[in-house]
């Protein structure tokens, strides 16, 4: 299933509005996120048509709204050292 160009333009416009609202620290980013969520919920195939930057903008908005920080720096690994399961990170599994 493919999206009509008008629907794709609409979601991309919402994502652009979200980026602008986040950069200007406007409180309406929550409303824009809700609109994007409803659109993607109605047609999940739109996700594959988004660029990495557009997906990143959505993730940034969600991170700000929920207060969850996504780790960006990997923890330094020690050579020859083993970690217990309680102290294991995702990087240890890769």
N, C-alpha and C. Protein backbone atom coordinates (compact mmCIF):
# COMPACT_ATOMS: atom_id res chain seq x y z
N UNK A 1 0.84 -1.18 0.00
CA UNK A 1 0.00 0.00 0.00
C UNK A 1 0.88 1.24 0.00
N UNK A 2 0.59 2.16 -0.88
CA UNK A 2 1.35 3.41 -0.92
C UNK A 2 0.45 4.57 -0.52
N UNK A 3 1.08 5.55 0.06
CA UNK A 3 0.34 6.73 0.50
C UNK A 3 0.15 7.70 -0.65
N UNK A 4 -0.99 8.33 -0.71
CA UNK A 4 -1.14 9.42 -1.68
C UNK A 4 -0.14 10.53 -1.35
N UNK A 5 0.36 11.21 -2.39
CA UNK A 5 1.35 12.28 -2.12
C UNK A 5 0.88 13.31 -1.11
N UNK A 6 -0.40 13.61 -1.09
CA UNK A 6 -0.89 14.62 -0.15
C UNK A 6 -0.75 14.16 1.30
N UNK A 7 -0.98 12.86 1.57
CA UNK A 7 -0.82 12.34 2.92
C UNK A 7 0.65 12.35 3.34
N UNK A 8 1.52 11.97 2.43
CA UNK A 8 2.95 11.97 2.73
C UNK A 8 3.44 13.39 2.99
N UNK A 9 2.99 14.33 2.18
CA UNK A 9 3.37 15.73 2.40
C UNK A 9 2.84 16.24 3.73
N UNK A 10 1.65 15.78 4.10
CA UNK A 10 1.04 16.22 5.36
C UNK A 10 1.87 15.75 6.56
N UNK A 11 2.27 14.48 6.56
CA UNK A 11 3.05 13.97 7.70
C UNK A 11 4.43 14.62 7.74
N UNK A 12 5.03 14.82 6.57
CA UNK A 12 6.34 15.48 6.54
C UNK A 12 6.23 16.93 7.02
N UNK A 13 5.11 17.58 6.71
CA UNK A 13 4.88 18.93 7.21
C UNK A 13 4.73 18.96 8.72
N UNK A 14 4.05 17.96 9.26
CA UNK A 14 3.89 17.86 10.72
C UNK A 14 5.26 17.65 11.38
N UNK A 15 6.08 16.83 10.77
CA UNK A 15 7.41 16.57 11.34
C UNK A 15 8.26 17.84 11.29
N UNK A 16 8.15 18.58 10.19
CA UNK A 16 8.88 19.86 10.10
C UNK A 16 8.39 20.81 11.19
N UNK A 17 7.09 20.87 11.41
CA UNK A 17 6.53 21.71 12.48
C UNK A 17 7.04 21.28 13.84
N UNK A 18 7.17 19.97 14.03
CA UNK A 18 7.69 19.44 15.29
C UNK A 18 9.14 19.89 15.49
N UNK A 19 9.94 19.79 14.44
CA UNK A 19 11.34 20.23 14.54
C UNK A 19 11.43 21.71 14.92
N UNK A 20 10.61 22.52 14.28
CA UNK A 20 10.60 23.95 14.58
C UNK A 20 10.17 24.21 16.02
N UNK A 21 9.12 23.53 16.46
CA UNK A 21 8.63 23.72 17.83
C UNK A 21 9.68 23.30 18.86
N UNK A 22 10.41 22.23 18.57
CA UNK A 22 11.45 21.78 19.50
C UNK A 22 12.61 22.77 19.53
N UNK A 23 13.01 23.28 18.38
CA UNK A 23 14.11 24.24 18.33
C UNK A 23 13.77 25.53 19.05
N UNK A 24 12.52 25.95 18.93
CA UNK A 24 12.10 27.20 19.55
C UNK A 24 11.55 26.99 20.96
N UNK A 25 11.59 25.74 21.42
CA UNK A 25 11.11 25.35 22.76
C UNK A 25 9.67 25.79 22.99
N UNK A 26 8.82 25.54 22.00
CA UNK A 26 7.41 25.87 22.11
C UNK A 26 6.65 24.71 22.76
N UNK A 27 5.67 25.02 23.59
CA UNK A 27 4.94 23.94 24.27
C UNK A 27 3.98 23.16 23.36
N UNK A 28 3.73 23.67 22.15
CA UNK A 28 2.78 22.97 21.27
C UNK A 28 3.37 21.73 20.61
N UNK A 29 4.64 21.41 20.89
CA UNK A 29 5.23 20.21 20.31
C UNK A 29 4.45 18.97 20.73
N UNK A 30 3.83 18.99 21.91
CA UNK A 30 3.07 17.84 22.40
C UNK A 30 1.85 17.59 21.50
N UNK A 31 1.18 18.65 21.10
CA UNK A 31 0.03 18.53 20.21
C UNK A 31 0.46 17.99 18.84
N UNK A 32 1.58 18.48 18.36
CA UNK A 32 2.09 18.03 17.06
C UNK A 32 2.46 16.55 17.14
N UNK A 33 3.11 16.14 18.24
CA UNK A 33 3.44 14.72 18.44
C UNK A 33 2.18 13.86 18.42
N UNK A 34 1.13 14.34 19.07
CA UNK A 34 -0.13 13.59 19.11
C UNK A 34 -0.70 13.43 17.70
N UNK A 35 -0.64 14.50 16.92
CA UNK A 35 -1.13 14.44 15.54
C UNK A 35 -0.33 13.44 14.70
N UNK A 36 1.00 13.46 14.88
CA UNK A 36 1.86 12.52 14.16
C UNK A 36 1.53 11.09 14.58
N UNK A 37 1.35 10.88 15.87
CA UNK A 37 1.02 9.54 16.37
C UNK A 37 -0.28 9.04 15.77
N UNK A 38 -1.29 9.87 15.76
CA UNK A 38 -2.59 9.47 15.19
C UNK A 38 -2.46 9.13 13.71
N UNK A 39 -1.69 9.93 12.99
CA UNK A 39 -1.51 9.68 11.57
C UNK A 39 -0.80 8.35 11.33
N UNK A 40 0.28 8.13 12.06
CA UNK A 40 1.05 6.90 11.89
C UNK A 40 0.27 5.68 12.39
N UNK A 41 -0.56 5.87 13.38
CA UNK A 41 -1.39 4.78 13.88
C UNK A 41 -2.42 4.38 12.83
N UNK A 42 -2.95 5.35 12.11
CA UNK A 42 -3.95 5.08 11.08
C UNK A 42 -3.32 4.40 9.86
N UNK A 43 -2.07 4.75 9.55
CA UNK A 43 -1.39 4.15 8.40
C UNK A 43 0.08 3.96 8.73
N UNK A 44 0.40 2.80 9.27
CA UNK A 44 1.76 2.50 9.69
C UNK A 44 2.75 2.39 8.56
N UNK A 45 2.28 2.25 7.33
CA UNK A 45 3.21 2.13 6.21
C UNK A 45 3.97 3.44 5.96
N UNK A 46 3.48 4.52 6.49
CA UNK A 46 4.14 5.81 6.30
C UNK A 46 5.52 5.84 6.94
N UNK A 47 5.73 5.02 7.95
CA UNK A 47 7.01 5.02 8.67
C UNK A 47 8.16 4.68 7.74
N UNK A 48 7.97 3.75 6.83
CA UNK A 48 9.07 3.35 5.94
C UNK A 48 9.39 4.41 4.91
N UNK A 49 8.53 5.38 4.73
CA UNK A 49 8.75 6.45 3.77
C UNK A 49 9.44 7.66 4.38
N UNK A 50 9.67 7.63 5.69
CA UNK A 50 10.30 8.75 6.38
C UNK A 50 11.82 8.60 6.33
N UNK A 51 12.51 9.74 6.28
CA UNK A 51 13.97 9.72 6.32
C UNK A 51 14.44 9.48 7.76
N UNK A 52 15.72 9.18 7.90
CA UNK A 52 16.29 8.99 9.23
C UNK A 52 16.18 10.26 10.06
N UNK A 53 16.35 11.41 9.43
CA UNK A 53 16.25 12.68 10.15
C UNK A 53 14.83 12.92 10.65
N UNK A 54 13.84 12.52 9.86
CA UNK A 54 12.45 12.70 10.28
C UNK A 54 12.10 11.78 11.44
N UNK A 55 12.59 10.55 11.38
CA UNK A 55 12.38 9.61 12.49
C UNK A 55 13.10 10.12 13.73
N UNK A 56 14.30 10.66 13.55
CA UNK A 56 15.06 11.21 14.68
C UNK A 56 14.32 12.37 15.34
N UNK A 57 13.66 13.20 14.54
CA UNK A 57 12.90 14.33 15.09
C UNK A 57 11.75 13.83 15.95
N UNK A 58 11.07 12.78 15.48
CA UNK A 58 9.98 12.20 16.27
C UNK A 58 10.52 11.62 17.57
N UNK A 59 11.64 10.90 17.49
CA UNK A 59 12.24 10.32 18.70
C UNK A 59 12.68 11.40 19.68
N UNK A 60 13.22 12.50 19.17
CA UNK A 60 13.63 13.61 20.03
C UNK A 60 12.42 14.20 20.75
N UNK A 61 11.33 14.37 20.03
CA UNK A 61 10.11 14.90 20.65
C UNK A 61 9.57 13.97 21.71
N UNK A 62 9.56 12.67 21.41
CA UNK A 62 9.09 11.69 22.38
C UNK A 62 9.99 11.66 23.61
N UNK A 63 11.29 11.77 23.38
CA UNK A 63 12.24 11.77 24.49
C UNK A 63 12.00 12.98 25.40
N UNK A 64 11.76 14.12 24.79
CA UNK A 64 11.51 15.33 25.58
C UNK A 64 10.20 15.22 26.35
N UNK A 65 9.18 14.69 25.69
CA UNK A 65 7.86 14.59 26.33
C UNK A 65 7.88 13.62 27.51
N UNK A 66 8.55 12.49 27.35
CA UNK A 66 8.54 11.47 28.40
C UNK A 66 9.63 11.66 29.43
N UNK A 67 10.65 12.46 29.10
CA UNK A 67 11.76 12.66 30.02
C UNK A 67 12.76 11.51 30.00
N UNK A 68 12.66 10.66 29.01
CA UNK A 68 13.58 9.53 28.88
C UNK A 68 14.76 9.96 28.02
N UNK A 69 15.96 9.72 28.51
CA UNK A 69 17.16 10.08 27.77
C UNK A 69 17.70 8.83 27.09
N UNK A 70 17.94 8.94 25.80
CA UNK A 70 18.50 7.83 25.04
C UNK A 70 20.01 7.96 25.10
N UNK A 71 20.68 6.92 25.54
CA UNK A 71 22.14 6.94 25.68
C UNK A 71 22.79 7.11 24.32
N UNK A 72 23.73 8.03 24.24
CA UNK A 72 24.41 8.27 22.98
C UNK A 72 25.88 7.90 23.02
N UNK A 73 26.46 7.84 24.19
CA UNK A 73 27.88 7.51 24.29
C UNK A 73 28.03 6.12 24.88
N UNK A 74 28.88 5.34 24.27
CA UNK A 74 29.11 3.99 24.75
C UNK A 74 30.06 4.03 25.95
N UNK A 75 29.82 3.15 26.89
CA UNK A 75 30.69 3.07 28.06
C UNK A 75 32.03 2.46 27.65
N UNK A 76 33.09 2.94 28.27
CA UNK A 76 34.42 2.42 27.93
C UNK A 76 34.52 0.97 28.38
N UNK A 77 35.07 0.14 27.49
CA UNK A 77 35.24 -1.28 27.81
C UNK A 77 36.66 -1.52 28.31
N UNK A 78 36.76 -2.33 29.34
CA UNK A 78 38.08 -2.73 29.83
C UNK A 78 38.47 -4.05 29.19
N UNK A 79 39.70 -4.15 28.75
CA UNK A 79 40.18 -5.39 28.13
C UNK A 79 40.53 -6.41 29.19
N UNK A 80 40.18 -7.65 28.93
CA UNK A 80 40.52 -8.73 29.84
C UNK A 80 39.70 -8.73 31.12
N UNK A 81 38.70 -7.97 31.19
CA UNK A 81 37.90 -7.83 32.39
C UNK A 81 36.52 -8.38 32.11
N UNK A 82 35.96 -9.11 33.04
CA UNK A 82 34.62 -9.66 32.87
C UNK A 82 33.67 -8.92 33.79
N UNK A 83 32.46 -8.74 33.31
CA UNK A 83 31.44 -8.05 34.11
C UNK A 83 30.42 -9.06 34.59
N UNK A 84 29.88 -8.79 35.73
CA UNK A 84 28.78 -9.62 36.20
C UNK A 84 27.53 -9.25 35.42
N UNK A 85 26.56 -10.11 35.41
CA UNK A 85 25.33 -9.87 34.67
C UNK A 85 24.60 -8.62 35.15
N UNK A 86 24.74 -8.28 36.41
CA UNK A 86 24.05 -7.11 36.95
C UNK A 86 24.62 -5.81 36.40
N UNK A 87 25.89 -5.81 36.03
CA UNK A 87 26.54 -4.61 35.54
C UNK A 87 26.68 -4.59 34.02
N UNK A 88 26.06 -5.52 33.33
CA UNK A 88 26.20 -5.65 31.89
C UNK A 88 25.37 -4.57 31.18
N UNK A 89 25.94 -4.02 30.13
CA UNK A 89 25.24 -3.03 29.31
C UNK A 89 24.98 -3.62 27.94
N UNK A 90 24.24 -2.88 27.13
CA UNK A 90 23.96 -3.31 25.77
C UNK A 90 25.24 -3.42 24.97
N UNK A 91 26.21 -2.56 25.22
CA UNK A 91 27.47 -2.59 24.50
C UNK A 91 28.23 -3.90 24.75
N UNK A 92 28.07 -4.49 25.92
CA UNK A 92 28.74 -5.74 26.22
C UNK A 92 28.20 -6.89 25.38
N UNK A 93 26.99 -6.75 24.92
CA UNK A 93 26.38 -7.81 24.14
C UNK A 93 26.69 -7.70 22.67
N UNK A 94 27.21 -6.59 22.25
CA UNK A 94 27.50 -6.37 20.82
C UNK A 94 28.91 -6.73 20.48
